[in-house]
């Protein structure tokens, strides 16, 4: 039995999410965190959706 990875559509890699997809290629899980609230943000985005800070 083969242990191949499943195939799926390639993600759309934006500049804000590039770090996430590069880590995923290395089979690492990374996450973005809001500086203002300390909350984890997913999917990666350019600013906190609650405070609109970086």
PDB file of N, CA and C in Angstrom:
ATOM      1  N   UNK A   1       0.845  -1.188   0.000  1.00  0.00           N
ATOM      2  CA  UNK A   1       0.000   0.000   0.000  1.00  0.00           C
ATOM      3  C   UNK A   1       0.886   1.246   0.000  1.00  0.00           C
ATOM      4  N   UNK A   2       0.568   2.204  -0.816  1.00  0.00           N
ATOM      5  CA  UNK A   2       1.345   3.429  -0.955  1.00  0.00           C
ATOM      6  C   UNK A   2       0.884   4.477   0.052  1.00  0.00           C
ATOM      7  N   UNK A   3       1.815   5.237   0.584  1.00  0.00           N
ATOM      8  CA  UNK A   3       1.519   6.290   1.565  1.00  0.00           C
ATOM      9  C   UNK A   3       1.645   7.666   0.916  1.00  0.00           C
ATOM     10  N   UNK A   4       1.162   7.801  -0.316  1.00  0.00           N
ATOM     11  CA  UNK A   4       1.248   9.076  -1.021  1.00  0.00           C
ATOM     12  C   UNK A   4       0.394  10.134  -0.334  1.00  0.00           C
ATOM     13  N   UNK A   5       0.856  11.394  -0.441  1.00  0.00           N
ATOM     14  CA  UNK A   5       0.069  12.507   0.085  1.00  0.00           C
ATOM     15  C   UNK A   5      -1.141  12.705  -0.810  1.00  0.00           C
ATOM     16  N   UNK A   6      -2.263  13.118  -0.251  1.00  0.00           N
ATOM     17  CA  UNK A   6      -3.431  13.383  -1.093  1.00  0.00           C
ATOM     18  C   UNK A   6      -3.167  14.551  -2.030  1.00  0.00           C
ATOM     19  N   UNK A   7      -3.796  14.522  -3.186  1.00  0.00           N
ATOM     20  CA  UNK A   7      -3.649  15.630  -4.124  1.00  0.00           C
ATOM     21  C   UNK A   7      -4.810  16.596  -3.930  1.00  0.00           C
ATOM     22  N   UNK A   8      -4.523  17.858  -4.090  1.00  0.00           N
ATOM     23  CA  UNK A   8      -5.551  18.894  -3.968  1.00  0.00           C
ATOM     24  C   UNK A   8      -5.108  20.107  -4.764  1.00  0.00           C
ATOM     25  N   UNK A   9      -6.002  21.034  -4.935  1.00  0.00           N
ATOM     26  CA  UNK A   9      -5.669  22.260  -5.657  1.00  0.00           C
ATOM     27  C   UNK A   9      -4.596  23.033  -4.904  1.00  0.00           C
ATOM     28  N   UNK A  10      -3.716  23.670  -5.625  1.00  0.00           N
ATOM     29  CA  UNK A  10      -2.687  24.498  -4.997  1.00  0.00           C
ATOM     30  C   UNK A  10      -3.349  25.721  -4.360  1.00  0.00           C
ATOM     31  N   UNK A  11      -2.856  26.146  -3.192  1.00  0.00           N
ATOM     32  CA  UNK A  11      -3.446  27.325  -2.540  1.00  0.00           C
ATOM     33  C   UNK A  11      -3.087  28.597  -3.296  1.00  0.00           C
ATOM     34  N   UNK A  12      -3.875  29.615  -3.099  1.00  0.00           N
ATOM     35  CA  UNK A  12      -3.546  30.939  -3.617  1.00  0.00           C
ATOM     36  C   UNK A  12      -2.661  31.598  -2.568  1.00  0.00           C
ATOM     37  N   UNK A  13      -1.400  31.805  -2.897  1.00  0.00           N
ATOM     38  CA  UNK A  13      -0.435  32.326  -1.929  1.00  0.00           C
ATOM     39  C   UNK A  13      -0.354  33.841  -2.066  1.00  0.00           C
ATOM     40  N   UNK A  14      -0.847  34.524  -1.052  1.00  0.00           N
ATOM     41  CA  UNK A  14      -0.775  35.985  -1.012  1.00  0.00           C
ATOM     42  C   UNK A  14       0.480  36.381  -0.224  1.00  0.00           C
ATOM     43  N   UNK A  15       0.956  37.610  -0.371  1.00  0.00           N
ATOM     44  CA  UNK A  15       2.126  38.040   0.414  1.00  0.00           C
ATOM     45  C   UNK A  15       1.911  37.893   1.922  1.00  0.00           C
ATOM     46  N   UNK A  16       0.679  38.103   2.387  1.00  0.00           N
ATOM     47  CA  UNK A  16       0.390  37.999   3.821  1.00  0.00           C
ATOM     48  C   UNK A  16       0.417  36.562   4.326  1.00  0.00           C
ATOM     49  N   UNK A  17       0.183  35.603   3.456  1.00  0.00           N
ATOM     50  CA  UNK A  17       0.113  34.208   3.872  1.00  0.00           C
ATOM     51  C   UNK A  17       1.304  33.377   3.393  1.00  0.00           C
ATOM     52  N   UNK A  18       2.257  34.017   2.725  1.00  0.00           N
ATOM     53  CA  UNK A  18       3.395  33.277   2.173  1.00  0.00           C
ATOM     54  C   UNK A  18       4.144  32.497   3.253  1.00  0.00           C
ATOM     55  N   UNK A  19       4.367  33.098   4.427  1.00  0.00           N
ATOM     56  CA  UNK A  19       5.076  32.420   5.514  1.00  0.00           C
ATOM     57  C   UNK A  19       4.361  31.139   5.926  1.00  0.00           C
ATOM     58  N   UNK A  20       3.040  31.166   5.924  1.00  0.00           N
ATOM     59  CA  UNK A  20       2.242  30.010   6.328  1.00  0.00           C
ATOM     60  C   UNK A  20       2.422  28.860   5.343  1.00  0.00           C
ATOM     61  N   UNK A  21       2.317  29.150   4.056  1.00  0.00           N
ATOM     62  CA  UNK A  21       2.405  28.092   3.049  1.00  0.00           C
ATOM     63  C   UNK A  21       3.827  27.561   2.906  1.00  0.00           C
ATOM     64  N   UNK A  22       4.840  28.420   3.111  1.00  0.00           N
ATOM     65  CA  UNK A  22       6.212  27.926   3.090  1.00  0.00           C
ATOM     66  C   UNK A  22       6.454  26.945   4.244  1.00  0.00           C
ATOM     67  N   UNK A  23       5.914  27.256   5.416  1.00  0.00           N
ATOM     68  CA  UNK A  23       6.034  26.351   6.557  1.00  0.00           C
ATOM     69  C   UNK A  23       5.261  25.059   6.293  1.00  0.00           C
ATOM     70  N   UNK A  24       4.100  25.160   5.673  1.00  0.00           N
ATOM     71  CA  UNK A  24       3.311  23.964   5.358  1.00  0.00           C
ATOM     72  C   UNK A  24       4.075  23.040   4.412  1.00  0.00           C
ATOM     73  N   UNK A  25       4.807  23.611   3.466  1.00  0.00           N
ATOM     74  CA  UNK A  25       5.640  22.798   2.569  1.00  0.00           C
ATOM     75  C   UNK A  25       6.714  22.035   3.343  1.00  0.00           C
ATOM     76  N   UNK A  26       7.172  22.614   4.473  1.00  0.00           N
ATOM     77  CA  UNK A  26       8.168  21.948   5.326  1.00  0.00           C
ATOM     78  C   UNK A  26       7.501  21.036   6.363  1.00  0.00           C
ATOM     79  N   UNK A  27       6.154  20.913   6.261  1.00  0.00           N
ATOM     80  CA  UNK A  27       5.345  20.129   7.192  1.00  0.00           C
ATOM     81  C   UNK A  27       5.423  20.679   8.612  1.00  0.00           C
ATOM     82  N   UNK A  28       5.444  22.023   8.719  1.00  0.00           N
ATOM     83  CA  UNK A  28       5.428  22.720   9.994  1.00  0.00           C
ATOM     84  C   UNK A  28       4.130  23.512  10.102  1.00  0.00           C
ATOM     85  N   UNK A  29       3.629  23.649  11.318  1.00  0.00           N
ATOM     86  CA  UNK A  29       2.443  24.456  11.558  1.00  0.00           C
ATOM     87  C   UNK A  29       2.868  25.753  12.228  1.00  0.00           C
ATOM     88  N   UNK A  30       2.589  26.862  11.592  1.00  0.00           N
ATOM     89  CA  UNK A  30       2.874  28.179  12.155  1.00  0.00           C
ATOM     90  C   UNK A  30       1.579  28.985  12.145  1.00  0.00           C
ATOM     91  N   UNK A  31       1.533  30.003  12.987  1.00  0.00           N
ATOM     92  CA  UNK A  31       0.313  30.797  13.072  1.00  0.00           C
ATOM     93  C   UNK A  31       0.676  32.256  13.296  1.00  0.00           C
ATOM     94  N   UNK A  32      -0.187  33.109  12.855  1.00  0.00           N
ATOM     95  CA  UNK A  32      -0.040  34.551  13.026  1.00  0.00           C
ATOM     96  C   UNK A  32      -0.774  34.941  14.303  1.00  0.00           C
ATOM     97  N   UNK A  33      -0.249  35.953  15.003  1.00  0.00           N
ATOM     98  CA  UNK A  33      -0.867  36.390  16.249  1.00  0.00           C
ATOM     99  C   UNK A  33      -1.006  37.910  16.240  1.00  0.00           C
ATOM    100  N   UNK A  34      -2.150  38.398  16.688  1.00  0.00           N
ATOM    101  CA  UNK A  34      -2.393  39.838  16.766  1.00  0.00           C
ATOM    102  C   UNK A  34      -1.548  40.443  17.876  1.00  0.00           C
ATOM    103  N   UNK A  35      -0.813  41.507  17.569  1.00  0.00           N
ATOM    104  CA  UNK A  35      -0.030  42.192  18.603  1.00  0.00           C
ATOM    105  C   UNK A  35      -0.943  42.896  19.606  1.00  0.00           C
ATOM    106  N   UNK A  36      -2.078  43.365  19.158  1.00  0.00           N
ATOM    107  CA  UNK A  36      -2.984  44.127  20.018  1.00  0.00           C
ATOM    108  C   UNK A  36      -3.756  43.236  20.990  1.00  0.00           C
ATOM    109  N   UNK A  37      -4.267  42.116  20.507  1.00  0.00           N
ATOM    110  CA  UNK A  37      -5.123  41.279  21.347  1.00  0.00           C
ATOM    111  C   UNK A  37      -4.458  39.989  21.811  1.00  0.00           C
ATOM    112  N   UNK A  38      -3.395  39.574  21.126  1.00  0.00           N
ATOM    113  CA  UNK A  38      -2.745  38.306  21.464  1.00  0.00           C
ATOM    114  C   UNK A  38      -3.460  37.095  20.899  1.00  0.00           C
ATOM    115  N   UNK A  39      -4.555  37.320  20.193  1.00  0.00           N
ATOM    116  CA  UNK A  39      -5.325  36.227  19.599  1.00  0.00           C
ATOM    117  C   UNK A  39      -4.621  35.690  18.358  1.00  0.00           C
ATOM    118  N   UNK A  40      -4.752  34.376  18.155  1.00  0.00           N
ATOM    119  CA  UNK A  40      -4.225  33.781  16.934  1.00  0.00           C
ATOM    120  C   UNK A  40      -5.158  34.105  15.775  1.00  0.00           C
ATOM    121  N   UNK A  41      -4.574  34.367  14.615  1.00  0.00           N
ATOM    122  CA  UNK A  41      -5.350  34.732  13.431  1.00  0.00           C
ATOM    123  C   UNK A  41      -5.217  33.643  12.376  1.00  0.00           C
ATOM    124  N   UNK A  42      -6.340  33.158  11.907  1.00  0.00           N
ATOM    125  CA  UNK A  42      -6.346  32.203  10.803  1.00  0.00           C
ATOM    126  C   UNK A  42      -7.599  32.428   9.998  1.00  0.00           C
ATOM    127  N   UNK A  43      -7.473  32.531   8.717  1.00  0.00           N
ATOM    128  CA  UNK A  43      -6.261  32.440   7.911  1.00  0.00           C
ATOM    129  C   UNK A  43      -5.401  33.679   8.101  1.00  0.00           C
ATOM    130  N   UNK A  44      -4.108  33.609   7.701  1.00  0.00           N
ATOM    131  CA  UNK A  44      -3.238  34.776   7.805  1.00  0.00           C
ATOM    132  C   UNK A  44      -3.835  35.964   7.048  1.00  0.00           C
ATOM    133  N   UNK A  45      -3.658  37.140   7.596  1.00  0.00           N
ATOM    134  CA  UNK A  45      -4.229  38.357   7.000  1.00  0.00           C
ATOM    135  C   UNK A  45      -3.362  39.560   7.331  1.00  0.00           C
ATOM    136  N   UNK A  46      -3.558  40.676   6.647  1.00  0.00           N
ATOM    137  CA  UNK A  46      -2.682  41.832   6.845  1.00  0.00           C
ATOM    138  C   UNK A  46      -2.892  42.573   8.165  1.00  0.00           C
ATOM    139  N   UNK A  47      -4.049  42.380   8.819  1.00  0.00           N
ATOM    140  CA  UNK A  47      -4.297  43.079  10.083  1.00  0.00           C
ATOM    141  C   UNK A  47      -5.304  42.312  10.922  1.00  0.00           C
ATOM    142  N   UNK A  48      -5.343  42.647  12.207  1.00  0.00           N
ATOM    143  CA  UNK A  48      -6.296  42.026  13.125  1.00  0.00           C
ATOM    144  C   UNK A  48      -7.710  42.451  12.726  1.00  0.00           C
ATOM    145  N   UNK A  49      -8.635  41.504  12.574  1.00  0.00           N
ATOM    146  CA  UNK A  49      -9.994  41.876  12.159  1.00  0.00           C
ATOM    147  C   UNK A  49     -10.772  42.620  13.255  1.00  0.00           C
ATOM    148  N   UNK A  50     -10.314  42.507  14.516  1.00  0.00           N
ATOM    149  CA  UNK A  50     -11.015  43.176  15.606  1.00  0.00           C
ATOM    150  C   UNK A  50     -10.532  44.603  15.830  1.00  0.00           C
ATOM    151  N   UNK A  51      -9.202  44.787  15.828  1.00  0.00           N
ATOM    152  CA  UNK A  51      -8.647  46.098  16.154  1.00  0.00           C
ATOM    153  C   UNK A  51      -8.075  46.833  14.943  1.00  0.00           C
ATOM    154  N   UNK A  52      -7.965  46.140  13.815  1.00  0.00           N
ATOM    155  CA  UNK A  52      -7.384  46.694  12.581  1.00  0.00           C
ATOM    156  C   UNK A  52      -5.937  47.133  12.763  1.00  0.00           C
ATOM    157  N   UNK A  53      -5.248  46.531  13.748  1.00  0.00           N
ATOM    158  CA  UNK A  53      -3.828  46.795  13.931  1.00  0.00           C
ATOM    159  C   UNK A  53      -3.020  45.692  13.262  1.00  0.00           C
ATOM    160  N   UNK A  54      -1.738  45.921  13.116  1.00  0.00           N
ATOM    161  CA  UNK A  54      -0.856  44.970  12.459  1.00  0.00           C
ATOM    162  C   UNK A  54      -0.515  43.842  13.414  1.00  0.00           C
TER     163      UNK A  54
END
